[in-house]
Amino acid sequence: MTLRIFAALAIAGFSTCAVAADEGKYPDWTAQYARVGGAGGLDPSKPSGNGQQIPLNARMQAYFDSVEANRKAGGLVDNFSTSCVPLGMPRVMINYEIMDMMVTPAATYLWFTESNELRRIYTDGRNFPDPLVPSYLGTSIGEWKDTTGSGKFDTLEVETRGFVGPREYDSAGLPLDRDNQSVFNERFSVDPSKANVVNDVITTRDNGLTRPWTLTRQYRRAKKNNFSDTICALDTAYLILGDENYFISADGFLMPAKKGQKPPDLKYFSNAGK
């Protein structure tokens, strides 16, 4: 209940009386959740990389082939989170650590511990703003549905659009189109056979795909709360300079990330090379 009150108060001008009046219509999903399945790819039922069977078009497949070649050589190209760039949609939905879900009539909040990203899914009847302010998570507009006629909501349908990038599907570097025109449709509901599991059916529409791509991620309600904090800037040992990834050694020196990698250009340092 504390999380729900906190989320409600975060909505400027929203009446707590309205929350009390409407609260009984909404499912009791406010809790912490751990992912079900692996974190290697967005689709937990398939292997990472090309094993995900994402319907990339020829242009994006060729690009991913170059990413894979870089990785095999020891590089880290297109794993932007290594230098604390937000995961964004849809990769954030892998839920690497813990996801807090907070349900209120006006919005449902998803907070991800690993990346410190907060999704706001607005359910107050608003439309997408014009113009959209692009972000890594995009703008999410949702609508609650009562699919059983019980008088209570059981399904949350969401559309998300309006992005900046670059973004990728997973740590393997499977890319979304750089035009950032992605549109994601999600359907959240409780798993029919597991009352403590919430399913998220995600459909991606992107100009880097030959057709829409649909998968299901699952999140299991945690048995006890896990209040942790991840500060990427303090923990990362990676650095991106231009198009190159480097390591930072334990003693604070720049190290190559792959065999034969050249050092960065030091032309703005007067004592470069001395």
C-alpha atoms as a PDB file:
ATOM      1  CA  MET A   1       0.000   0.000   0.000  1.00  0.00           C
ATOM      2  CA  THR A   2       2.897   2.352   0.758  1.00  0.00           C
ATOM      3  CA  LEU A   3       4.200   2.115  -2.796  1.00  0.00           C
ATOM      4  CA  ARG A   4       0.744   2.824  -4.172  1.00  0.00           C
ATOM      5  CA  ILE A   5       0.322   5.937  -2.006  1.00  0.00           C
ATOM      6  CA  PHE A   6       3.804   7.129  -3.006  1.00  0.00           C
ATOM      7  CA  ALA A   7       3.000   6.749  -6.695  1.00  0.00           C
ATOM      8  CA  ALA A   8      -0.339   8.493  -6.319  1.00  0.00           C
ATOM      9  CA  LEU A   9       1.182  11.470  -4.550  1.00  0.00           C
ATOM     10  CA  ALA A  10       3.767  11.740  -7.345  1.00  0.00           C
ATOM     11  CA  ILE A  11       1.006  12.737  -9.754  1.00  0.00           C
ATOM     12  CA  ALA A  12       0.705  16.497  -9.463  1.00  0.00           C
ATOM     13  CA  GLY A  13      -2.794  17.611  -8.569  1.00  0.00           C
ATOM     14  CA  PHE A  14      -4.249  14.109  -8.441  1.00  0.00           C
ATOM     15  CA  SER A  15      -6.779  13.666  -5.646  1.00  0.00           C
ATOM     16  CA  THR A  16      -6.133  10.931  -3.072  1.00  0.00           C
ATOM     17  CA  CYS A  17      -9.924  10.719  -2.667  1.00  0.00           C
ATOM     18  CA  ALA A  18     -10.195   9.689  -6.318  1.00  0.00           C
ATOM     19  CA  VAL A  19      -7.593   6.973  -5.675  1.00  0.00           C
ATOM     20  CA  ALA A  20      -9.624   5.578  -2.793  1.00  0.00           C
ATOM     21  CA  ALA A  21     -12.834   5.620  -4.848  1.00  0.00           C
ATOM     22  CA  ASP A  22     -11.372   3.842  -7.879  1.00  0.00           C
ATOM     23  CA  GLU A  23      -8.755   1.620  -6.318  1.00  0.00           C
ATOM     24  CA  GLY A  24     -10.992  -1.448  -6.043  1.00  0.00           C
ATOM     25  CA  LYS A  25     -11.376  -1.692  -9.834  1.00  0.00           C
ATOM     26  CA  TYR A  26      -7.649  -2.169 -10.391  1.00  0.00           C
ATOM     27  CA  PRO A  27      -5.640  -5.396  -9.981  1.00  0.00           C
ATOM     28  CA  ASP A  28      -3.344  -5.787  -7.002  1.00  0.00           C
ATOM     29  CA  TRP A  29      -0.118  -5.732  -8.984  1.00  0.00           C
ATOM     30  CA  THR A  30       1.781  -3.208  -6.862  1.00  0.00           C
ATOM     31  CA  ALA A  31       4.874  -5.174  -5.823  1.00  0.00           C
ATOM     32  CA  GLN A  32       8.444  -5.996  -6.788  1.00  0.00           C
ATOM     33  CA  TYR A  33       9.054  -8.438  -9.641  1.00  0.00           C
ATOM     34  CA  ALA A  34      11.984 -10.529 -10.853  1.00  0.00           C
ATOM     35  CA  ARG A  35      12.233 -11.663 -14.452  1.00  0.00           C
ATOM     36  CA  VAL A  36      11.282 -15.193 -15.461  1.00  0.00           C
ATOM     37  CA  GLY A  37      13.786 -16.712 -17.882  1.00  0.00           C
ATOM     38  CA  GLY A  38      17.181 -15.580 -19.045  1.00  0.00           C
ATOM     39  CA  ALA A  39      18.587 -12.139 -19.816  1.00  0.00           C
ATOM     40  CA  GLY A  40      20.561 -13.033 -22.942  1.00  0.00           C
ATOM     41  CA  GLY A  41      17.917 -11.736 -25.323  1.00  0.00           C
ATOM     42  CA  LEU A  42      14.613  -9.906 -25.271  1.00  0.00           C
ATOM     43  CA  ASP A  43      12.827 -13.188 -26.096  1.00  0.00           C
ATOM     44  CA  PRO A  44      13.719 -15.462 -23.148  1.00  0.00           C
ATOM     45  CA  SER A  45      12.603 -18.574 -25.039  1.00  0.00           C
ATOM     46  CA  LYS A  46      15.369 -18.285 -27.646  1.00  0.00           C
ATOM     47  CA  PRO A  47      19.197 -18.044 -27.663  1.00  0.00           C
ATOM     48  CA  SER A  48      20.871 -14.652 -27.931  1.00  0.00           C
ATOM     49  CA  GLY A  49      22.131 -12.999 -31.109  1.00  0.00           C
ATOM     50  CA  ASN A  50      20.799 -14.429 -34.359  1.00  0.00           C
ATOM     51  CA  GLY A  51      19.175 -17.146 -32.271  1.00  0.00           C
ATOM     52  CA  GLN A  52      16.524 -14.605 -31.312  1.00  0.00           C
ATOM     53  CA  GLN A  53      15.200 -14.919 -34.882  1.00  0.00           C
ATOM     54  CA  ILE A  54      14.300 -11.238 -35.021  1.00  0.00           C
ATOM     55  CA  PRO A  55      12.949 -10.498 -38.535  1.00  0.00           C
ATOM     56  CA  LEU A  56      15.609  -7.899 -39.349  1.00  0.00           C
ATOM     57  CA  ASN A  57      15.578  -6.553 -42.884  1.00  0.00           C
ATOM     58  CA  ALA A  58      18.675  -6.988 -45.058  1.00  0.00           C
ATOM     59  CA  ARG A  59      20.072  -3.575 -44.149  1.00  0.00           C
ATOM     60  CA  MET A  60      19.865  -4.139 -40.388  1.00  0.00           C
ATOM     61  CA  GLN A  61      21.034  -7.762 -40.659  1.00  0.00           C
ATOM     62  CA  ALA A  62      24.169  -6.583 -42.463  1.00  0.00           C
ATOM     63  CA  TYR A  63      24.700  -4.023 -39.719  1.00  0.00           C
ATOM     64  CA  PHE A  64      24.315  -6.674 -37.022  1.00  0.00           C
ATOM     65  CA  ASP A  65      26.802  -8.908 -38.847  1.00  0.00           C
ATOM     66  CA  SER A  66      29.361  -6.095 -38.464  1.00  0.00           C
ATOM     67  CA  VAL A  67      28.502  -5.816 -34.764  1.00  0.00           C
ATOM     68  CA  GLU A  68      29.070  -9.546 -34.303  1.00  0.00           C
ATOM     69  CA  ALA A  69      32.428  -9.337 -36.081  1.00  0.00           C
ATOM     70  CA  ASN A  70      33.463  -6.520 -33.747  1.00  0.00           C
ATOM     71  CA  ARG A  71      32.409  -8.552 -30.700  1.00  0.00           C
ATOM     72  CA  LYS A  72      34.327 -11.608 -31.865  1.00  0.00           C
ATOM     73  CA  ALA A  73      37.413  -9.411 -32.139  1.00  0.00           C
ATOM     74  CA  GLY A  74      36.955  -8.372 -28.511  1.00  0.00           C
ATOM     75  CA  GLY A  75      35.085  -5.102 -29.066  1.00  0.00           C
ATOM     76  CA  LEU A  76      31.950  -3.863 -27.347  1.00  0.00           C
ATOM     77  CA  VAL A  77      30.366  -1.845 -30.131  1.00  0.00           C
ATOM     78  CA  ASP A  78      26.632  -1.193 -29.672  1.00  0.00           C
ATOM     79  CA  ASN A  79      26.436  -2.264 -26.037  1.00  0.00           C
ATOM     80  CA  PHE A  80      25.767   1.317 -25.005  1.00  0.00           C
ATOM     81  CA  SER A  81      24.774   0.493 -21.438  1.00  0.00           C
ATOM     82  CA  THR A  82      28.426  -0.302 -20.669  1.00  0.00           C
ATOM     83  CA  SER A  83      29.025   3.456 -20.564  1.00  0.00           C
ATOM     84  CA  CYS A  84      25.756   4.198 -18.717  1.00  0.00           C
ATOM     85  CA  VAL A  85      23.575   5.106 -21.690  1.00  0.00           C
ATOM     86  CA  PRO A  86      19.971   4.200 -20.669  1.00  0.00           C
ATOM     87  CA  LEU A  87      18.711   0.819 -21.806  1.00  0.00           C
ATOM     88  CA  GLY A  88      15.476   2.336 -23.117  1.00  0.00           C
ATOM     89  CA  MET A  89      12.658   0.436 -24.808  1.00  0.00           C
ATOM     90  CA  PRO A  90      12.472  -2.440 -25.363  1.00  0.00           C
ATOM     91  CA  ARG A  91      15.671  -3.681 -23.689  1.00  0.00           C
ATOM     92  CA  VAL A  92      14.660  -2.313 -20.271  1.00  0.00           C
ATOM     93  CA  MET A  93      11.837  -4.887 -20.203  1.00  0.00           C
ATOM     94  CA  ILE A  94      14.404  -7.692 -19.843  1.00  0.00           C
ATOM     95  CA  ASN A  95      14.433  -6.571 -16.183  1.00  0.00           C
ATOM     96  CA  TYR A  96      18.007  -7.513 -15.344  1.00  0.00           C
ATOM     97  CA  GLU A  97      17.562  -7.139 -11.558  1.00  0.00           C
ATOM     98  CA  ILE A  98      14.313  -6.021  -9.897  1.00  0.00           C
ATOM     99  CA  MET A  99      11.283  -4.148 -11.261  1.00  0.00           C
ATOM    100  CA  ASP A 100       8.979  -2.201  -8.935  1.00  0.00           C
ATOM    101  CA  MET A 101       5.435  -1.947 -10.272  1.00  0.00           C
ATOM    102  CA  MET A 102       3.127   0.708  -8.796  1.00  0.00           C
ATOM    103  CA  VAL A 103      -0.487   0.835 -10.002  1.00  0.00           C
ATOM    104  CA  THR A 104      -2.661   3.941  -9.656  1.00  0.00           C
ATOM    105  CA  PRO A 105      -5.753   4.986 -11.631  1.00  0.00           C
ATOM    106  CA  ALA A 106      -3.843   7.769 -13.387  1.00  0.00           C
ATOM    107  CA  ALA A 107      -0.636   5.894 -14.195  1.00  0.00           C
ATOM    108  CA  THR A 108       1.245   2.644 -13.724  1.00  0.00           C
ATOM    109  CA  TYR A 109       4.907   3.039 -12.841  1.00  0.00           C
ATOM    110  CA  LEU A 110       7.691   0.560 -13.650  1.00  0.00           C
ATOM    111  CA  TRP A 111      11.005   1.287 -11.950  1.00  0.00           C
ATOM    112  CA  PHE A 112      14.050  -0.799 -12.904  1.00  0.00           C
ATOM    113  CA  THR A 113      16.807  -1.085 -10.298  1.00  0.00           C
ATOM    114  CA  GLU A 114      19.634  -2.112 -12.627  1.00  0.00           C
ATOM    115  CA  SER A 115      19.348   0.881 -14.933  1.00  0.00           C
ATOM    116  CA  ASN A 116      17.552   3.331 -12.618  1.00  0.00           C
ATOM    117  CA  GLU A 117      14.929   3.968 -15.305  1.00  0.00           C
ATOM    118  CA  LEU A 118      11.302   4.847 -14.540  1.00  0.00           C
ATOM    119  CA  ARG A 119       8.553   4.091 -17.048  1.00  0.00           C
ATOM    120  CA  ARG A 120       5.305   6.017 -16.675  1.00  0.00           C
ATOM    121  CA  ILE A 121       2.341   4.365 -18.374  1.00  0.00           C
ATOM    122  CA  TYR A 122      -0.422   6.992 -18.359  1.00  0.00           C
ATOM    123  CA  THR A 123      -3.954   5.625 -17.947  1.00  0.00           C
ATOM    124  CA  ASP A 124      -5.850   8.871 -17.317  1.00  0.00           C
ATOM    125  CA  GLY A 125      -7.350   9.080 -20.812  1.00  0.00           C
ATOM    126  CA  ARG A 126      -4.772  11.447 -22.295  1.00  0.00           C
ATOM    127  CA  ASN A 127      -3.595  11.221 -25.890  1.00  0.00           C
ATOM    128  CA  PHE A 128      -0.022  11.324 -27.137  1.00  0.00           C
ATOM    129  CA  PRO A 129       1.247  14.913 -26.893  1.00  0.00           C
ATOM    130  CA  ASP A 130       1.955  16.839 -30.077  1.00  0.00           C
ATOM    131  CA  PRO A 131       4.827  17.233 -30.486  1.00  0.00           C
ATOM    132  CA  LEU A 132       6.275  14.256 -28.631  1.00  0.00           C
ATOM    133  CA  VAL A 133       9.396  14.917 -26.568  1.00  0.00           C
ATOM    134  CA  PRO A 134      11.611  11.954 -27.519  1.00  0.00           C
ATOM    135  CA  SER A 135      13.339   9.860 -24.858  1.00  0.00           C
ATOM    136  CA  TYR A 136      14.973   6.445 -24.477  1.00  0.00           C
ATOM    137  CA  LEU A 137      11.839   5.037 -22.823  1.00  0.00           C
ATOM    138  CA  GLY A 138       9.417   6.891 -25.085  1.00  0.00           C
ATOM    139  CA  THR A 139       5.918   8.003 -24.062  1.00  0.00           C
ATOM    140  CA  SER A 140       3.549   5.229 -22.949  1.00  0.00           C
ATOM    141  CA  ILE A 141      -0.245   5.554 -23.097  1.00  0.00           C
ATOM    142  CA  GLY A 142      -2.266   2.716 -21.579  1.00  0.00           C
ATOM    143  CA  GLU A 143      -5.847   1.593 -21.190  1.00  0.00           C
ATOM    144  CA  TRP A 144      -7.227  -0.833 -18.619  1.00  0.00           C
ATOM    145  CA  LYS A 145      -9.591  -3.549 -19.850  1.00  0.00           C
ATOM    146  CA  ASP A 146     -12.068  -5.827 -18.098  1.00  0.00           C
ATOM    147  CA  THR A 147     -11.875  -8.851 -20.389  1.00  0.00           C
ATOM    148  CA  THR A 148     -14.036 -11.158 -18.239  1.00  0.00           C
ATOM    149  CA  GLY A 149     -16.964  -8.878 -17.390  1.00  0.00           C
ATOM    150  CA  SER A 150     -16.187  -9.135 -13.675  1.00  0.00           C
ATOM    151  CA  GLY A 151     -16.359  -5.386 -13.096  1.00  0.00           C
ATOM    152  CA  LYS A 152     -12.625  -5.292 -12.337  1.00  0.00           C
ATOM    153  CA  PHE A 153      -9.735  -4.572 -14.664  1.00  0.00           C
ATOM    154  CA  ASP A 154      -7.484  -7.524 -15.508  1.00  0.00           C
ATOM    155  CA  THR A 155      -5.496  -6.378 -18.564  1.00  0.00           C
ATOM    156  CA  LEU A 156      -3.398  -3.302 -19.326  1.00  0.00           C
ATOM    157  CA  GLU A 157      -2.896  -2.478 -23.013  1.00  0.00           C
ATOM    158  CA  VAL A 158      -0.081  -0.029 -23.778  1.00  0.00           C
ATOM    159  CA  GLU A 159       1.339   1.779 -26.802  1.00  0.00           C
ATOM    160  CA  THR A 160       4.757   3.419 -26.601  1.00  0.00           C
ATOM    161  CA  ARG A 161       6.349   5.764 -29.149  1.00  0.00           C
ATOM    162  CA  GLY A 162       8.617   8.816 -29.357  1.00  0.00           C
ATOM    163  CA  PHE A 163      12.267   7.767 -28.994  1.00  0.00           C
ATOM    164  CA  VAL A 164      15.868   8.862 -29.079  1.00  0.00           C
ATOM    165  CA  GLY A 165      18.701   6.415 -29.679  1.00  0.00           C
ATOM    166  CA  PRO A 166      20.641   4.527 -30.594  1.00  0.00           C
ATOM    167  CA  ARG A 167      18.889   1.637 -28.850  1.00  0.00           C
ATOM    168  CA  GLU A 168      19.324  -2.104 -29.080  1.00  0.00           C
ATOM    169  CA  TYR A 169      17.186  -5.111 -28.200  1.00  0.00           C
ATOM    170  CA  ASP A 170      19.762  -6.745 -25.915  1.00  0.00           C
ATOM    171  CA  SER A 171      23.407  -6.903 -24.875  1.00  0.00           C
ATOM    172  CA  ALA A 172      24.348  -8.750 -28.095  1.00  0.00           C
ATOM    173  CA  GLY A 173      23.756  -5.483 -29.947  1.00  0.00           C
ATOM    174  CA  LEU A 174      20.752  -6.509 -32.044  1.00  0.00           C
ATOM    175  CA  PRO A 175      19.832  -3.086 -33.421  1.00  0.00           C
ATOM    176  CA  LEU A 176      16.668  -1.069 -33.813  1.00  0.00           C
ATOM    177  CA  ASP A 177      16.470   1.280 -36.780  1.00  0.00           C
ATOM    178  CA  ARG A 178      18.372   4.492 -36.170  1.00  0.00           C
ATOM    179  CA  ASP A 179      15.383   6.576 -37.301  1.00  0.00           C
ATOM    180  CA  ASN A 180      13.855   5.902 -33.841  1.00  0.00           C
ATOM    181  CA  GLN A 181      10.352   5.487 -35.272  1.00  0.00           C
ATOM    182  CA  SER A 182       9.724   2.317 -33.255  1.00  0.00           C
ATOM    183  CA  VAL A 183       6.241   1.624 -31.909  1.00  0.00           C
ATOM    184  CA  PHE A 184       5.677  -0.925 -29.138  1.00  0.00           C
ATOM    185  CA  ASN A 185       2.350  -2.452 -28.175  1.00  0.00           C
ATOM    186  CA  GLU A 186       2.156  -4.350 -24.894  1.00  0.00           C
ATOM    187  CA  ARG A 187      -0.494  -6.400 -23.156  1.00  0.00           C
ATOM    188  CA  PHE A 188       0.024  -6.957 -19.422  1.00  0.00           C
ATOM    189  CA  SER A 189      -2.061  -9.614 -17.640  1.00  0.00           C
ATOM    190  CA  VAL A 190      -1.721 -12.242 -14.939  1.00  0.00           C
ATOM    191  CA  ASP A 191      -0.576 -15.635 -16.220  1.00  0.00           C
ATOM    192  CA  PRO A 192      -3.613 -17.974 -16.345  1.00  0.00           C
ATOM    193  CA  SER A 193      -1.737 -20.762 -14.532  1.00  0.00           C
ATOM    194  CA  LYS A 194       0.425 -18.713 -12.137  1.00  0.00           C
ATOM    195  CA  ALA A 195      -1.289 -16.067 -10.021  1.00  0.00           C
ATOM    196  CA  ASN A 196       2.046 -14.548  -8.948  1.00  0.00           C
ATOM    197  CA  VAL A 197       3.320 -14.029 -12.519  1.00  0.00           C
ATOM    198  CA  VAL A 198       2.521 -11.080 -14.792  1.00  0.00           C
ATOM    199  CA  ASN A 199       2.892 -11.630 -18.542  1.00  0.00           C
ATOM    200  CA  ASP A 200       3.909  -8.842 -20.921  1.00  0.00           C
ATOM    201  CA  VAL A 201       3.215  -9.621 -24.581  1.00  0.00           C
ATOM    202  CA  ILE A 202       5.399  -7.173 -26.537  1.00  0.00           C
ATOM    203  CA  THR A 203       4.945  -6.433 -30.238  1.00  0.00           C
ATOM    204  CA  THR A 204       7.638  -4.348 -31.924  1.00  0.00           C
ATOM    205  CA  ARG A 205       7.056  -2.369 -35.105  1.00  0.00           C
ATOM    206  CA  ASP A 206      10.265  -0.886 -36.424  1.00  0.00           C
ATOM    207  CA  ASN A 207      11.629   0.155 -39.808  1.00  0.00           C
ATOM    208  CA  GLY A 208      14.507  -2.260 -39.305  1.00  0.00           C
ATOM    209  CA  LEU A 209      12.076  -5.218 -39.374  1.00  0.00           C
ATOM    210  CA  THR A 210      10.387  -7.014 -42.255  1.00  0.00           C
ATOM    211  CA  ARG A 211       7.248  -7.547 -40.118  1.00  0.00           C
ATOM    212  CA  PRO A 212       6.060  -6.939 -36.543  1.00  0.00           C
ATOM    213  CA  TRP A 213       7.864  -9.090 -33.962  1.00  0.00           C
ATOM    214  CA  THR A 214       5.962 -10.466 -30.951  1.00  0.00           C
ATOM    215  CA  LEU A 215       7.299 -12.162 -27.828  1.00  0.00           C
ATOM    216  CA  THR A 216       6.295 -12.672 -24.192  1.00  0.00           C
ATOM    217  CA  ARG A 217       8.260 -11.729 -21.115  1.00  0.00           C
ATOM    218  CA  GLN A 218       7.188 -12.819 -17.632  1.00  0.00           C
ATOM    219  CA  TYR A 219       7.754 -11.258 -14.215  1.00  0.00           C
ATOM    220  CA  ARG A 220       7.350 -13.145 -10.933  1.00  0.00           C
ATOM    221  CA  ARG A 221       6.224 -11.302  -7.812  1.00  0.00           C
ATOM    222  CA  ALA A 222       9.094 -11.217  -5.325  1.00  0.00           C
ATOM    223  CA  LYS A 223       8.579 -12.994  -2.000  1.00  0.00           C
ATOM    224  CA  LYS A 224      10.288 -10.162  -0.129  1.00  0.00           C
ATOM    225  CA  ASN A 225      11.249  -6.601  -0.976  1.00  0.00           C
ATOM    226  CA  ASN A 226      14.771  -5.949  -2.229  1.00  0.00           C
ATOM    227  CA  PHE A 227      15.708  -2.294  -1.832  1.00  0.00           C
ATOM    228  CA  SER A 228      18.996  -1.796  -3.657  1.00  0.00           C
ATOM    229  CA  ASP A 229      20.602   0.964  -5.685  1.00  0.00           C
ATOM    230  CA  THR A 230      22.778   0.686  -8.775  1.00  0.00           C
ATOM    231  CA  ILE A 231      24.907   3.681  -9.791  1.00  0.00           C
ATOM    232  CA  CYS A 232      26.260   2.895 -13.256  1.00  0.00           C
ATOM    233  CA  ALA A 233      28.779   5.763 -13.305  1.00  0.00           C
ATOM    234  CA  LEU A 234      30.434   4.342 -10.172  1.00  0.00           C
ATOM    235  CA  ASP A 235      30.388   0.708 -11.248  1.00  0.00           C
ATOM    236  CA  THR A 236      31.264   0.670 -14.946  1.00  0.00           C
ATOM    237  CA  ALA A 237      34.737  -0.209 -16.180  1.00  0.00           C
ATOM    238  CA  TYR A 238      33.968   0.723 -19.786  1.00  0.00           C
ATOM    239  CA  LEU A 239      34.378   3.912 -21.766  1.00  0.00           C
ATOM    240  CA  ILE A 240      33.057   4.834 -25.218  1.00  0.00           C
ATOM    241  CA  LEU A 241      35.083   7.389 -27.188  1.00  0.00           C
ATOM    242  CA  GLY A 242      33.668   8.072 -30.626  1.00  0.00           C
ATOM    243  CA  ASP A 243      32.958   4.677 -32.172  1.00  0.00           C
ATOM    244  CA  GLU A 244      35.394   2.802 -29.957  1.00  0.00           C
ATOM    245  CA  ASN A 245      34.922   1.026 -26.629  1.00  0.00           C
ATOM    246  CA  TYR A 246      37.777   0.890 -24.116  1.00  0.00           C
ATOM    247  CA  PHE A 247      38.330  -0.586 -20.661  1.00  0.00           C
ATOM    248  CA  ILE A 248      39.375   1.359 -17.568  1.00  0.00           C
ATOM    249  CA  SER A 249      41.869  -0.662 -15.539  1.00  0.00           C
ATOM    250  CA  ALA A 250      41.718  -1.022 -11.748  1.00  0.00           C
ATOM    251  CA  ASP A 251      44.546   1.509 -11.434  1.00  0.00           C
ATOM    252  CA  GLY A 252      42.689   4.048 -13.590  1.00  0.00           C
ATOM    253  CA  PHE A 253      44.441   3.652 -16.949  1.00  0.00           C
ATOM    254  CA  LEU A 254      42.822   3.270 -20.357  1.00  0.00           C
ATOM    255  CA  MET A 255      43.099  -0.234 -21.807  1.00  0.00           C
ATOM    256  CA  PRO A 256      42.239  -1.670 -25.235  1.00  0.00           C
ATOM    257  CA  ALA A 257      39.056  -3.713 -25.489  1.00  0.00           C
ATOM    258  CA  LYS A 258      40.211  -5.730 -28.478  1.00  0.00           C
ATOM    259  CA  LYS A 259      43.443  -6.957 -30.017  1.00  0.00           C
ATOM    260  CA  GLY A 260      45.314  -4.348 -32.030  1.00  0.00           C
ATOM    261  CA  GLN A 261      43.024  -1.489 -30.955  1.00  0.00           C
ATOM    262  CA  LYS A 262      44.596   1.935 -31.417  1.00  0.00           C
ATOM    263  CA  PRO A 263      44.561   4.522 -28.612  1.00  0.00           C
ATOM    264  CA  PRO A 264      42.187   7.495 -28.925  1.00  0.00           C
ATOM    265  CA  ASP A 265      43.334  10.620 -30.751  1.00  0.00           C
ATOM    266  CA  LEU A 266      45.038  12.970 -28.258  1.00  0.00           C
ATOM    267  CA  LYS A 267      45.378  15.954 -30.583  1.00  0.00           C
ATOM    268  CA  TYR A 268      43.888  18.368 -28.012  1.00  0.00           C
ATOM    269  CA  PHE A 269      46.576  17.492 -25.444  1.00  0.00           C
ATOM    270  CA  SER A 270      49.712  19.603 -25.912  1.00  0.00           C
ATOM    271  CA  ASN A 271      51.970  16.923 -24.441  1.00  0.00           C
ATOM    272  CA  ALA A 272      50.486  14.041 -26.417  1.00  0.00           C
ATOM    273  CA  GLY A 273      53.019  11.298 -27.050  1.00  0.00           C
ATOM    274  CA  LYS A 274      55.632  12.711 -24.622  1.00  0.00           C
END
